[in-house]
């Protein structure tokens, strides 16, 4: 058993945050790519 029970929970939270961050950056990059194309 691990000595720190909060580690796995923190790891899950970090993974969720990373997924959210990637999704946000993906959307932002798509949005930014579309702006220069606009007249």
N, C-alpha and C. Protein backbone atom coordinates (compact mmCIF):
# COMPACT_ATOMS: atom_id res chain seq x y z
N UNK A 1 0.84 -1.19 0.00
CA UNK A 1 0.00 0.00 0.00
C UNK A 1 0.88 1.25 0.00
N UNK A 2 0.43 2.26 -0.70
CA UNK A 2 1.20 3.50 -0.73
C UNK A 2 1.02 4.25 0.57
N UNK A 3 2.06 4.96 0.98
CA UNK A 3 1.99 5.68 2.25
C UNK A 3 1.12 6.93 2.13
N UNK A 4 1.06 7.50 0.94
CA UNK A 4 0.26 8.72 0.77
C UNK A 4 -0.99 8.38 -0.03
N UNK A 5 -2.14 8.34 0.62
CA UNK A 5 -3.38 7.97 -0.06
C UNK A 5 -3.87 9.04 -1.02
N UNK A 6 -3.40 10.27 -0.88
CA UNK A 6 -3.89 11.35 -1.72
C UNK A 6 -3.19 11.43 -3.07
N UNK A 7 -2.15 10.59 -3.27
CA UNK A 7 -1.37 10.71 -4.50
C UNK A 7 -2.19 10.32 -5.72
N UNK A 8 -2.89 9.18 -5.63
CA UNK A 8 -3.65 8.71 -6.79
C UNK A 8 -4.74 9.71 -7.14
N UNK A 9 -5.38 10.28 -6.12
CA UNK A 9 -6.44 11.26 -6.38
C UNK A 9 -5.87 12.48 -7.07
N UNK A 10 -4.70 12.93 -6.61
CA UNK A 10 -4.07 14.10 -7.20
C UNK A 10 -3.69 13.80 -8.65
N UNK A 11 -3.21 12.60 -8.88
CA UNK A 11 -2.79 12.22 -10.23
C UNK A 11 -4.00 12.26 -11.18
N UNK A 12 -5.14 11.76 -10.70
CA UNK A 12 -6.35 11.76 -11.52
C UNK A 12 -6.76 13.20 -11.83
N UNK A 13 -6.70 14.06 -10.81
CA UNK A 13 -7.10 15.45 -11.01
C UNK A 13 -6.17 16.12 -12.02
N UNK A 14 -4.88 15.83 -11.91
CA UNK A 14 -3.92 16.43 -12.83
C UNK A 14 -4.19 15.97 -14.25
N UNK A 15 -4.53 14.67 -14.38
CA UNK A 15 -4.81 14.14 -15.71
C UNK A 15 -6.03 14.83 -16.30
N UNK A 16 -7.04 15.06 -15.46
CA UNK A 16 -8.26 15.72 -15.93
C UNK A 16 -7.93 17.16 -16.35
N UNK A 17 -7.10 17.83 -15.54
CA UNK A 17 -6.73 19.21 -15.85
C UNK A 17 -5.93 19.25 -17.16
N UNK A 18 -5.06 18.28 -17.35
CA UNK A 18 -4.26 18.25 -18.56
C UNK A 18 -5.16 18.07 -19.78
N UNK A 19 -6.17 17.18 -19.65
CA UNK A 19 -7.10 16.96 -20.76
C UNK A 19 -7.85 18.23 -21.08
N UNK A 20 -8.32 18.91 -20.03
CA UNK A 20 -9.04 20.17 -20.23
C UNK A 20 -8.13 21.19 -20.90
N UNK A 21 -6.89 21.27 -20.44
CA UNK A 21 -5.95 22.24 -20.99
C UNK A 21 -5.70 21.97 -22.47
N UNK A 22 -5.52 20.69 -22.80
CA UNK A 22 -5.27 20.32 -24.20
C UNK A 22 -6.48 20.68 -25.05
N UNK A 23 -7.68 20.40 -24.54
CA UNK A 23 -8.90 20.71 -25.29
C UNK A 23 -9.01 22.21 -25.51
N UNK A 24 -8.71 22.99 -24.48
CA UNK A 24 -8.81 24.45 -24.58
C UNK A 24 -7.78 24.98 -25.59
N UNK A 25 -6.57 24.48 -25.51
CA UNK A 25 -5.54 24.95 -26.44
C UNK A 25 -5.89 24.55 -27.87
N UNK A 26 -6.49 23.35 -28.02
CA UNK A 26 -6.91 22.90 -29.34
C UNK A 26 -7.93 23.87 -29.92
N UNK A 27 -8.94 24.20 -29.12
CA UNK A 27 -9.99 25.11 -29.59
C UNK A 27 -9.40 26.48 -29.89
N UNK A 28 -8.50 26.94 -29.01
CA UNK A 28 -7.91 28.26 -29.20
C UNK A 28 -7.09 28.31 -30.49
N UNK A 29 -6.31 27.26 -30.74
CA UNK A 29 -5.49 27.25 -31.95
C UNK A 29 -6.38 27.23 -33.19
N UNK A 30 -7.46 26.45 -33.13
CA UNK A 30 -8.39 26.42 -34.26
C UNK A 30 -8.98 27.80 -34.49
N UNK A 31 -9.38 28.44 -33.41
CA UNK A 31 -9.98 29.77 -33.48
C UNK A 31 -8.98 30.78 -34.05
N UNK A 32 -7.75 30.72 -33.55
CA UNK A 32 -6.73 31.65 -34.01
C UNK A 32 -6.37 31.40 -35.48
N UNK A 33 -6.44 30.15 -35.90
CA UNK A 33 -6.14 29.84 -37.30
C UNK A 33 -7.21 30.40 -38.21
N UNK A 34 -8.43 30.49 -37.70
CA UNK A 34 -9.54 30.96 -38.54
C UNK A 34 -9.55 32.48 -38.65
N UNK A 35 -9.07 33.18 -37.64
CA UNK A 35 -9.15 34.65 -37.64
C UNK A 35 -8.42 35.28 -38.84
N UNK A 36 -7.16 34.92 -39.14
CA UNK A 36 -6.46 35.56 -40.26
C UNK A 36 -7.16 35.33 -41.59
N UNK A 37 -7.92 34.23 -41.72
CA UNK A 37 -8.59 33.92 -42.97
C UNK A 37 -9.77 34.86 -43.21
N UNK A 38 -10.30 35.42 -42.11
CA UNK A 38 -11.46 36.31 -42.25
C UNK A 38 -11.07 37.59 -42.97
N UNK A 39 -11.93 38.11 -43.80
CA UNK A 39 -11.64 39.33 -44.56
C UNK A 39 -11.60 40.56 -43.67
